Amino acid sequence: MMCSQHLMTIITMPAFMHAAAFEAATVDNSQGLKQAPDTVVEEATMTITSVGIEIVCFCVAFAMIRFFSKAHSSKGAPLRHANKKLCDATPEPATTLQAWRSHKRTGSIRGQELHHWAGRVMATEPEAFVEEFIGHLAQMSPPDHAVLPGEVSILMEVAAKAGRPEIVEAVMQAAKERLGVVEDPIRAHHCRLTAHASCGSEHHVEELLRQERAQAADGTVALRSLAIVVRGYMRAGKLQGAILQLQEMHRLGHEIPPRAVSKLFAAAAKAGTMKETYTSLGGQIHVPEDAVTA
C-alpha cells in the first residue's frame, strides 16, 4: 500500500522534479526499501515548497514592475489633459480686430501702444478703424480726456500713411462730434497731404499745395509740406512726382536732406529706374555716393 502511494507521488510531481526524486530513492540501498518512500516524499515536498516560493516571488516582482511602469508612463497624462482643456477654454483671437478688442479691456490704450494697435487694425480691417478707436477714446475716464487731441493725431497719422484720405476725414469728423476735439488746421493739412501723396493722388496733392501757396504770406510752399509729399510719393511708388518736389525744394533754395535722395534712389533701384532717376535730377541736386552704390 505504501509503495502505491509512493508511486502516485512520483507520477504527480512536476517533470523537472522526477530526477531529484529518483536520485533520492536510489541513494543508499543498504538502508532497505522500507525507508525509501518516506525519504522521497519528504525531500520532494521540500523541493516543491522551495520552487513554489521562488515562483510566487517572481510573480509578485513581475507584477510590481508592471504596475510601476504603467504609473510612470501615465504620470503626465492628467496635466497634459488639463492643459489642453485650458487652451480650449481660452483660444487665441482669430483676427487682429478680435485681439484689439480683447486687449483694450485692460484699460486706456494711449501713445505708442495706441499707434501700434491702430496700425495693425488699419492694415487688416480698415473699415472698422474709426468706430473702434474713436469709440475707445470716447470711453476714457475724464482725467484721460486731456490727452485726446494727441491720440486723435496718432489715428490721423496712421490713416494718412496708409494712403486712406477718406479715413483721415472720418477720424476728424468723429473726433469733433463724439470727443469735442477739433484738429489743428496745419496738422490736418499735413495729414491730408500725406494721405493723398501716399495713395499717389497727384491731382489732390497739387490742389492742397495750391491752397497752401494762396494762404502763405510769401506765396510759397513750406519745406515741411514738400518733404511730406516727397515721402508720400516714394511710399506710393510715384518716383517722378517725388523728383519734381525735390526740384521745387531746390528751386526755392531749401537744402535737400541727403537721406531723402538716398531713399529716392533705393526706391528707383527696386523699380529698375536708376538711370532714369539720375537723369531726371539733371545734375541740379547733389546725389550722395552711397545712394548710387546702394
Protein backbone atom coordinates (compact mmCIF):
# COMPACT_ATOMS: atom_id res chain seq x y z
CA MET A 1 0.00 0.00 0.00
CA MET A 2 2.77 2.43 0.89
CA CYS A 3 4.61 1.58 -2.33
CA SER A 4 1.47 2.52 -4.29
CA GLN A 5 1.25 5.91 -2.52
CA HIS A 6 4.92 6.46 -3.26
CA LEU A 7 4.34 5.71 -6.94
CA MET A 8 1.40 8.15 -7.15
CA THR A 9 3.50 10.85 -5.53
CA ILE A 10 6.23 10.42 -8.12
CA ILE A 11 3.76 10.48 -11.02
CA THR A 12 2.06 13.65 -9.84
CA MET A 13 5.33 15.53 -9.32
CA PRO A 14 6.31 18.14 -11.90
CA ALA A 15 8.53 16.80 -14.64
CA PHE A 16 11.55 18.79 -13.54
CA MET A 17 11.34 17.09 -10.08
CA HIS A 18 11.39 13.44 -11.30
CA ALA A 19 15.18 13.30 -11.48
CA ALA A 20 15.57 14.55 -7.89
CA ALA A 21 13.02 12.04 -6.59
CA PHE A 22 14.64 9.18 -8.46
CA GLU A 23 18.08 10.06 -7.14
CA ALA A 24 16.75 10.26 -3.58
CA ALA A 25 15.11 6.83 -3.95
CA THR A 26 18.33 5.11 -5.05
CA VAL A 27 20.95 6.79 -2.89
CA ASP A 28 21.53 4.15 -0.26
CA ASN A 29 20.14 0.66 -0.99
CA SER A 30 21.73 -0.70 2.19
CA GLN A 31 19.03 1.02 4.29
CA GLY A 32 16.34 -1.03 2.56
CA LEU A 33 13.27 -0.26 0.52
CA LYS A 34 11.12 0.47 3.55
CA GLN A 35 12.79 3.81 4.21
CA ALA A 36 12.79 4.97 0.54
CA PRO A 37 9.16 6.11 0.28
CA ASP A 38 9.29 8.41 3.34
CA THR A 39 12.59 9.93 2.31
CA VAL A 40 11.42 10.61 -1.22
CA VAL A 41 8.17 12.21 -0.10
CA GLU A 42 9.93 14.43 2.44
CA GLU A 43 12.60 15.64 0.04
CA ALA A 44 10.12 16.11 -2.80
CA THR A 45 7.83 18.14 -0.54
CA MET A 46 10.70 20.41 0.49
CA THR A 47 11.82 20.88 -3.09
CA ILE A 48 8.31 21.68 -4.34
CA THR A 49 7.83 24.15 -1.48
CA SER A 50 11.11 25.92 -2.31
CA VAL A 51 10.31 26.15 -6.02
CA GLY A 52 6.80 27.36 -5.25
CA ILE A 53 8.14 30.15 -3.07
CA GLU A 54 10.51 31.21 -5.87
CA ILE A 55 7.66 31.20 -8.39
CA VAL A 56 5.46 33.29 -6.09
CA CYS A 57 8.28 35.80 -5.50
CA PHE A 58 8.92 36.04 -9.24
CA CYS A 59 5.23 36.67 -9.97
CA VAL A 60 4.99 39.31 -7.26
CA ALA A 61 8.12 41.09 -8.53
CA PHE A 62 6.89 40.98 -12.14
CA ALA A 63 3.50 42.37 -11.13
CA MET A 64 5.12 45.24 -9.20
CA ILE A 65 7.37 46.11 -12.16
CA ARG A 66 4.39 46.29 -14.49
CA PHE A 67 2.39 48.35 -12.01
CA PHE A 68 5.08 50.99 -11.53
CA SER A 69 5.87 51.10 -15.27
CA LYS A 70 2.25 51.92 -16.08
CA ALA A 71 2.11 54.53 -13.32
CA HIS A 72 5.25 56.25 -14.67
CA SER A 73 4.09 56.23 -18.29
CA SER A 74 0.77 57.83 -17.40
CA LYS A 75 2.19 60.30 -14.88
CA GLY A 76 1.96 63.34 -17.17
CA ALA A 77 -1.38 62.46 -18.75
CA PRO A 78 -3.66 64.34 -16.33
CA LEU A 79 -1.54 67.52 -16.60
CA ARG A 80 -1.46 67.40 -20.39
CA HIS A 81 -5.18 66.82 -20.43
CA ALA A 82 -5.73 69.75 -18.08
CA ASN A 83 -3.52 71.98 -20.22
CA LYS A 84 -5.45 71.01 -23.32
CA LYS A 85 -8.72 71.90 -21.62
CA LEU A 86 -7.26 75.26 -20.55
CA CYS A 87 -6.15 76.02 -24.10
CA ASP A 88 -9.54 75.03 -25.43
CA ALA A 89 -11.23 77.28 -22.88
CA THR A 90 -9.08 80.33 -23.80
CA PRO A 91 -8.49 80.23 -27.57
CA GLU A 92 -6.25 82.74 -29.27
CA PRO A 93 -8.06 85.59 -31.04
CA ALA A 94 -8.73 84.63 -34.64
CA THR A 95 -8.23 88.15 -36.08
CA THR A 96 -6.35 91.35 -35.31
CA LEU A 97 -9.64 93.08 -34.60
CA GLN A 98 -10.60 90.46 -32.02
CA ALA A 99 -7.14 90.74 -30.46
CA TRP A 100 -7.54 94.52 -30.20
CA ARG A 101 -10.99 94.22 -28.63
CA SER A 102 -9.62 91.78 -26.08
CA HIS A 103 -6.61 93.97 -25.30
CA LYS A 104 -8.47 97.25 -24.90
CA ARG A 105 -10.44 95.78 -21.99
CA THR A 106 -7.28 96.15 -19.91
CA GLY A 107 -7.75 99.93 -19.78
CA SER A 108 -6.93 103.12 -21.65
CA ILE A 109 -4.57 102.46 -24.58
CA ARG A 110 -2.50 105.52 -25.45
CA GLY A 111 0.71 106.74 -27.06
CA GLN A 112 2.94 104.21 -28.78
CA GLU A 113 0.67 101.35 -27.78
CA LEU A 114 -2.28 103.06 -29.45
CA HIS A 115 -0.14 103.70 -32.54
CA HIS A 116 0.81 100.03 -32.66
CA TRP A 117 -2.75 98.72 -32.48
CA ALA A 118 -4.09 101.37 -34.84
CA GLY A 119 -1.52 100.34 -37.46
CA ARG A 120 -2.42 96.67 -37.12
CA VAL A 121 -6.16 97.22 -37.44
CA MET A 122 -5.69 99.65 -40.33
CA ALA A 123 -3.65 97.05 -42.20
CA THR A 124 -6.23 94.27 -41.77
CA GLU A 125 -9.70 95.74 -41.20
CA PRO A 126 -9.71 99.45 -42.07
CA GLU A 127 -13.49 99.60 -42.29
CA ALA A 128 -13.68 99.17 -38.52
CA PHE A 129 -10.92 101.68 -37.77
CA VAL A 130 -12.92 104.81 -36.94
CA GLU A 131 -15.55 103.19 -34.76
CA GLU A 132 -13.08 101.02 -32.88
CA PHE A 133 -10.59 103.72 -31.96
CA ILE A 134 -12.78 106.79 -31.64
CA GLY A 135 -15.13 104.59 -29.60
CA HIS A 136 -12.22 103.58 -27.40
CA LEU A 137 -11.17 107.21 -26.84
CA ALA A 138 -14.78 108.13 -26.05
CA GLN A 139 -14.79 105.59 -23.21
CA MET A 140 -11.76 107.09 -21.50
CA SER A 141 -12.31 108.32 -17.96
CA PRO A 142 -12.47 112.13 -17.51
CA PRO A 143 -8.85 112.60 -16.31
CA ASP A 144 -7.63 111.00 -19.53
CA HIS A 145 -9.55 113.39 -21.77
CA ALA A 146 -6.66 115.85 -21.64
CA VAL A 147 -4.65 113.54 -23.94
CA LEU A 148 -7.37 113.13 -26.56
CA PRO A 149 -6.02 115.66 -29.11
CA GLY A 150 -2.68 113.84 -29.23
CA GLU A 151 -4.37 110.46 -29.54
CA VAL A 152 -6.59 111.71 -32.38
CA SER A 153 -3.46 112.94 -34.18
CA ILE A 154 -1.98 109.45 -33.87
CA LEU A 155 -5.06 107.94 -35.53
CA MET A 156 -4.97 110.51 -38.32
CA GLU A 157 -1.28 109.84 -38.97
CA VAL A 158 -1.82 106.09 -39.19
CA ALA A 159 -4.68 106.52 -41.67
CA ALA A 160 -2.69 109.09 -43.69
CA LYS A 161 0.41 106.91 -44.10
CA ALA A 162 -1.83 104.05 -45.18
CA GLY A 163 -2.99 106.26 -48.06
CA ARG A 164 -6.60 106.47 -46.83
CA PRO A 165 -7.64 110.14 -47.06
CA GLU A 166 -11.32 109.26 -46.54
CA ILE A 167 -10.49 107.67 -43.19
CA VAL A 168 -8.47 110.73 -42.19
CA GLU A 169 -11.56 112.87 -42.80
CA ALA A 170 -13.78 110.39 -40.95
CA VAL A 171 -11.48 110.42 -37.91
CA MET A 172 -11.53 114.23 -37.77
CA GLN A 173 -15.30 114.32 -38.11
CA ALA A 174 -15.92 111.64 -35.47
CA ALA A 175 -13.42 113.26 -33.09
CA LYS A 176 -15.24 116.57 -33.39
CA GLU A 177 -18.71 115.09 -32.89
CA ARG A 178 -18.02 112.46 -30.25
CA LEU A 179 -14.98 113.81 -28.42
CA GLY A 180 -15.24 117.53 -28.92
CA VAL A 181 -11.72 117.56 -30.37
CA VAL A 182 -11.00 119.91 -33.29
CA GLU A 183 -7.75 119.15 -35.05
CA ASP A 184 -5.17 121.86 -35.56
CA PRO A 185 -5.53 123.22 -39.15
CA ILE A 186 -1.84 122.88 -40.00
CA ARG A 187 -1.68 119.31 -38.71
CA ALA A 188 -4.87 118.47 -40.59
CA HIS A 189 -3.36 119.92 -43.77
CA HIS A 190 -0.21 117.84 -43.37
CA CYS A 191 -2.23 114.68 -42.80
CA ARG A 192 -4.23 115.33 -45.95
CA LEU A 193 -1.03 115.84 -47.92
CA THR A 194 0.41 112.61 -46.52
CA ALA A 195 -2.74 110.62 -47.29
CA HIS A 196 -3.16 111.81 -50.88
CA ALA A 197 0.56 111.53 -51.68
CA SER A 198 0.72 108.04 -50.13
CA CYS A 199 -2.05 106.79 -52.40
CA GLY A 200 -0.48 108.51 -55.42
CA SER A 201 -3.28 111.04 -55.95
CA GLU A 202 -1.23 113.79 -57.62
CA HIS A 203 -4.28 115.85 -58.53
CA HIS A 204 -5.36 116.21 -54.89
CA VAL A 205 -1.79 116.88 -53.79
CA GLU A 206 -1.42 119.73 -56.28
CA GLU A 207 -4.71 121.22 -55.13
CA LEU A 208 -3.61 121.16 -51.49
CA LEU A 209 -0.25 122.74 -52.41
CA ARG A 210 -2.06 125.42 -54.40
CA GLN A 211 -4.20 126.25 -51.35
CA GLU A 212 -1.08 126.47 -49.19
CA ARG A 213 0.58 128.88 -51.62
CA ALA A 214 -2.52 131.02 -51.66
CA GLN A 215 -2.57 131.27 -47.87
CA ALA A 216 1.18 131.78 -47.41
CA ALA A 217 2.44 135.32 -46.95
CA ASP A 218 5.31 134.76 -49.41
CA GLY A 219 3.22 132.65 -51.77
CA THR A 220 5.41 129.55 -51.42
CA VAL A 221 5.01 126.06 -50.03
CA ALA A 222 6.71 125.28 -46.73
CA LEU A 223 9.69 122.95 -46.75
CA ARG A 224 7.90 120.53 -44.44
CA SER A 225 4.95 120.22 -46.82
CA LEU A 226 7.24 119.44 -49.74
CA ALA A 227 9.12 116.86 -47.68
CA ILE A 228 5.81 115.22 -46.71
CA VAL A 229 4.81 114.96 -50.35
CA VAL A 230 8.19 113.50 -51.34
CA ARG A 231 7.91 110.77 -48.69
CA GLY A 232 4.31 110.04 -49.65
CA TYR A 233 5.11 109.75 -53.37
CA MET A 234 8.01 107.39 -52.64
CA ARG A 235 5.68 105.32 -50.48
CA ALA A 236 3.25 105.11 -53.39
CA GLY A 237 5.96 104.40 -55.97
CA LYS A 238 5.42 107.75 -57.70
CA LEU A 239 9.11 108.46 -58.19
CA GLN A 240 8.74 111.08 -60.89
CA GLY A 241 6.38 113.07 -58.68
CA ALA A 242 8.92 112.84 -55.84
CA ILE A 243 11.66 114.15 -58.16
CA LEU A 244 9.53 117.13 -59.14
CA GLN A 245 9.03 118.04 -55.48
CA LEU A 246 12.76 117.71 -54.80
CA GLN A 247 13.42 120.05 -57.70
CA GLU A 248 10.89 122.51 -56.28
CA MET A 249 12.70 122.36 -52.94
CA HIS A 250 15.97 123.12 -54.73
CA ARG A 251 14.41 125.99 -56.70
CA LEU A 252 13.14 127.59 -53.50
CA GLY A 253 16.63 127.47 -52.05
CA HIS A 254 15.98 124.74 -49.50
CA GLU A 255 18.70 122.30 -48.60
CA ILE A 256 17.71 118.83 -49.66
CA PRO A 257 18.42 116.19 -46.99
CA PRO A 258 20.85 113.54 -48.32
CA ARG A 259 18.70 110.90 -46.69
CA ALA A 260 15.75 111.85 -48.91
CA VAL A 261 17.89 111.44 -52.03
CA SER A 262 19.22 108.10 -50.78
CA LYS A 263 15.68 106.83 -50.21
CA LEU A 264 14.71 108.02 -53.70
CA PHE A 265 17.49 106.01 -55.31
CA ALA A 266 16.73 103.00 -53.14
CA ALA A 267 13.16 103.07 -54.45
CA ALA A 268 14.45 103.61 -58.00
CA ALA A 269 16.73 100.57 -57.64
CA LYS A 270 13.75 98.40 -56.69
CA ALA A 271 11.79 99.75 -59.64
CA GLY A 272 14.73 99.33 -62.03
CA THR A 273 14.81 103.04 -62.95
CA MET A 274 18.17 104.12 -61.50
CA LYS A 275 19.44 105.63 -64.77
CA GLU A 276 16.19 107.50 -65.49
CA THR A 277 16.10 108.87 -61.94
CA TYR A 278 19.67 110.13 -62.14
CA THR A 279 18.98 111.77 -65.49
CA SER A 280 15.79 113.41 -64.19
CA LEU A 281 17.69 115.17 -61.44
CA GLY A 282 19.66 116.92 -64.18
CA GLY A 283 22.72 117.42 -62.04
CA GLN A 284 20.90 120.09 -60.02
CA ILE A 285 20.64 118.02 -56.85
CA HIS A 286 23.65 116.52 -55.13
CA VAL A 287 23.50 112.75 -55.14
CA PRO A 288 25.33 111.09 -52.21
CA GLU A 289 27.81 108.41 -53.23
CA ASP A 290 26.08 105.78 -51.11
CA ALA A 291 22.81 106.49 -52.93
CA VAL A 292 24.25 105.45 -56.28
CA THR A 293 26.13 102.41 -54.96
CA ALA A 294 23.25 101.17 -52.77
